[in-house]
Amino acid sequence: MPRRRKSSSSSEESDSESEYSSSESDRSRSPSPSPVKSKKLTGYQLFCKEKNEKLKNPVSFTKLGEMWRKLSDSQQEKFKDRAKRMNRK
């Protein structure tokens, strides 16, 4: 088996250490992260939230999806409008 060469000078080690220390200092200078924005609520999400709160036993999202699709367009539009108003605040 061939032998591995050990580095004879310690300057090579200090050079590699300085590379790490400079990159760490660069990270500390990065701008602070922007504030996290909450996701906007949709009409469907509002519908699911209200239905689960009204029912004694929470319903699966599959069942809620079926209930949402059975609503008329005007009924769905009411939830969508309320969600839009809530998102503006």
C-alpha atoms as a PDB file:
ATOM      1  CA  MET A   1       0.000   0.000   0.000  1.00  0.00           C
ATOM      2  CA  PRO A   2       1.285   3.466  -0.779  1.00  0.00           C
ATOM      3  CA  ARG A   3       1.889   5.741   2.140  1.00  0.00           C
ATOM      4  CA  ARG A   4       0.038   8.991   2.552  1.00  0.00           C
ATOM      5  CA  ARG A   5       2.117  12.100   2.713  1.00  0.00           C
ATOM      6  CA  LYS A   6       1.791  14.239   5.762  1.00  0.00           C
ATOM      7  CA  SER A   7       1.888  17.932   5.225  1.00  0.00           C
ATOM      8  CA  SER A   8       5.254  19.225   6.256  1.00  0.00           C
ATOM      9  CA  SER A   9       4.350  22.848   6.783  1.00  0.00           C
ATOM     10  CA  SER A  10       1.810  24.171   9.203  1.00  0.00           C
ATOM     11  CA  SER A  11       1.136  27.178   6.955  1.00  0.00           C
ATOM     12  CA  GLU A  12      -1.046  25.008   4.723  1.00  0.00           C
ATOM     13  CA  GLU A  13      -3.201  24.129   7.719  1.00  0.00           C
ATOM     14  CA  SER A  14      -3.533  27.747   8.783  1.00  0.00           C
ATOM     15  CA  ASP A  15      -4.528  28.722   5.232  1.00  0.00           C
ATOM     16  CA  SER A  16      -7.334  26.193   5.242  1.00  0.00           C
ATOM     17  CA  GLU A  17      -8.433  27.372   8.675  1.00  0.00           C
ATOM     18  CA  SER A  18      -8.553  30.978   7.496  1.00  0.00           C
ATOM     19  CA  GLU A  19     -10.826  29.937   4.622  1.00  0.00           C
ATOM     20  CA  TYR A  20     -13.333  28.553   7.097  1.00  0.00           C
ATOM     21  CA  SER A  21     -13.196  31.533   9.393  1.00  0.00           C
ATOM     22  CA  SER A  22     -13.772  33.989   6.528  1.00  0.00           C
ATOM     23  CA  SER A  23     -16.810  32.071   5.290  1.00  0.00           C
ATOM     24  CA  GLU A  24     -18.255  32.058   8.805  1.00  0.00           C
ATOM     25  CA  SER A  25     -17.867  35.808   9.084  1.00  0.00           C
ATOM     26  CA  ASP A  26     -19.564  36.235   5.690  1.00  0.00           C
ATOM     27  CA  ARG A  27     -22.593  34.354   6.996  1.00  0.00           C
ATOM     28  CA  SER A  28     -22.882  36.608  10.001  1.00  0.00           C
ATOM     29  CA  ARG A  29     -23.062  39.657   7.726  1.00  0.00           C
ATOM     30  CA  SER A  30     -25.981  38.339   5.707  1.00  0.00           C
ATOM     31  CA  PRO A  31     -29.146  40.441   5.936  1.00  0.00           C
ATOM     32  CA  SER A  32     -31.763  39.354   8.407  1.00  0.00           C
ATOM     33  CA  PRO A  33     -34.474  37.098   6.962  1.00  0.00           C
ATOM     34  CA  SER A  34     -37.686  38.737   5.869  1.00  0.00           C
ATOM     35  CA  PRO A  35     -40.706  38.258   8.114  1.00  0.00           C
ATOM     36  CA  VAL A  36     -42.691  35.124   7.421  1.00  0.00           C
ATOM     37  CA  LYS A  37     -45.985  35.867   5.728  1.00  0.00           C
ATOM     38  CA  SER A  38     -48.946  33.705   6.554  1.00  0.00           C
ATOM     39  CA  LYS A  39     -50.607  31.896   3.702  1.00  0.00           C
ATOM     40  CA  LYS A  40     -53.884  33.241   2.457  1.00  0.00           C
ATOM     41  CA  LEU A  41     -57.037  31.443   3.474  1.00  0.00           C
ATOM     42  CA  THR A  42     -59.200  30.035   0.676  1.00  0.00           C
ATOM     43  CA  GLY A  43     -62.959  29.619   0.647  1.00  0.00           C
ATOM     44  CA  TYR A  44     -62.572  25.850   0.831  1.00  0.00           C
ATOM     45  CA  GLN A  45     -60.295  26.102   3.884  1.00  0.00           C
ATOM     46  CA  LEU A  46     -62.771  28.400   5.615  1.00  0.00           C
ATOM     47  CA  PHE A  47     -65.590  25.954   4.818  1.00  0.00           C
ATOM     48  CA  CYS A  48     -63.601  23.025   6.261  1.00  0.00           C
ATOM     49  CA  LYS A  49     -62.725  24.964   9.399  1.00  0.00           C
ATOM     50  CA  GLU A  50     -66.335  25.942  10.072  1.00  0.00           C
ATOM     51  CA  LYS A  51     -67.746  22.474   9.362  1.00  0.00           C
ATOM     52  CA  ASN A  52     -65.231  20.760  11.644  1.00  0.00           C
ATOM     53  CA  GLU A  53     -65.996  23.226  14.449  1.00  0.00           C
ATOM     54  CA  LYS A  54     -69.774  22.714  14.144  1.00  0.00           C
ATOM     55  CA  LEU A  55     -69.673  18.921  14.058  1.00  0.00           C
ATOM     56  CA  LYS A  56     -69.103  16.937  17.228  1.00  0.00           C
ATOM     57  CA  ASN A  57     -66.933  14.405  15.411  1.00  0.00           C
ATOM     58  CA  PRO A  58     -64.358  15.885  13.019  1.00  0.00           C
ATOM     59  CA  VAL A  59     -64.915  14.834   9.430  1.00  0.00           C
ATOM     60  CA  SER A  60     -62.178  13.614   7.089  1.00  0.00           C
ATOM     61  CA  PHE A  61     -61.030  15.966   4.359  1.00  0.00           C
ATOM     62  CA  THR A  62     -62.302  13.503   1.771  1.00  0.00           C
ATOM     63  CA  LYS A  63     -65.802  13.881   3.163  1.00  0.00           C
ATOM     64  CA  LEU A  64     -65.401  17.685   3.408  1.00  0.00           C
ATOM     65  CA  GLY A  65     -64.305  17.767  -0.237  1.00  0.00           C
ATOM     66  CA  GLU A  66     -67.465  15.916  -1.238  1.00  0.00           C
ATOM     67  CA  MET A  67     -69.580  18.341   0.808  1.00  0.00           C
ATOM     68  CA  TRP A  68     -67.798  21.329  -0.806  1.00  0.00           C
ATOM     69  CA  ARG A  69     -68.441  20.004  -4.324  1.00  0.00           C
ATOM     70  CA  LYS A  70     -72.147  19.524  -3.529  1.00  0.00           C
ATOM     71  CA  LEU A  71     -72.523  23.209  -2.613  1.00  0.00           C
ATOM     72  CA  SER A  72     -73.954  25.459  -5.290  1.00  0.00           C
ATOM     73  CA  ASP A  73     -71.705  28.077  -6.888  1.00  0.00           C
ATOM     74  CA  SER A  74     -73.436  30.854  -4.963  1.00  0.00           C
ATOM     75  CA  GLN A  75     -72.857  29.062  -1.652  1.00  0.00           C
ATOM     76  CA  GLN A  76     -69.188  28.507  -2.505  1.00  0.00           C
ATOM     77  CA  GLU A  77     -68.863  32.147  -3.532  1.00  0.00           C
ATOM     78  CA  LYS A  78     -70.010  33.261  -0.057  1.00  0.00           C
ATOM     79  CA  PHE A  79     -67.107  31.375   1.538  1.00  0.00           C
ATOM     80  CA  LYS A  80     -64.668  32.694  -1.069  1.00  0.00           C
ATOM     81  CA  ASP A  81     -65.761  36.298  -0.464  1.00  0.00           C
ATOM     82  CA  ARG A  82     -65.433  35.923   3.308  1.00  0.00           C
ATOM     83  CA  ALA A  83     -61.963  34.417   2.882  1.00  0.00           C
ATOM     84  CA  LYS A  84     -60.909  37.363   0.685  1.00  0.00           C
ATOM     85  CA  ARG A  85     -62.120  39.822   3.311  1.00  0.00           C
ATOM     86  CA  MET A  86     -60.251  37.949   6.047  1.00  0.00           C
ATOM     87  CA  ASN A  87     -57.032  37.961   3.984  1.00  0.00           C
ATOM     88  CA  ARG A  88     -57.124  41.749   3.553  1.00  0.00           C
ATOM     89  CA  LYS A  89     -56.901  42.376   7.291  1.00  0.00           C
END
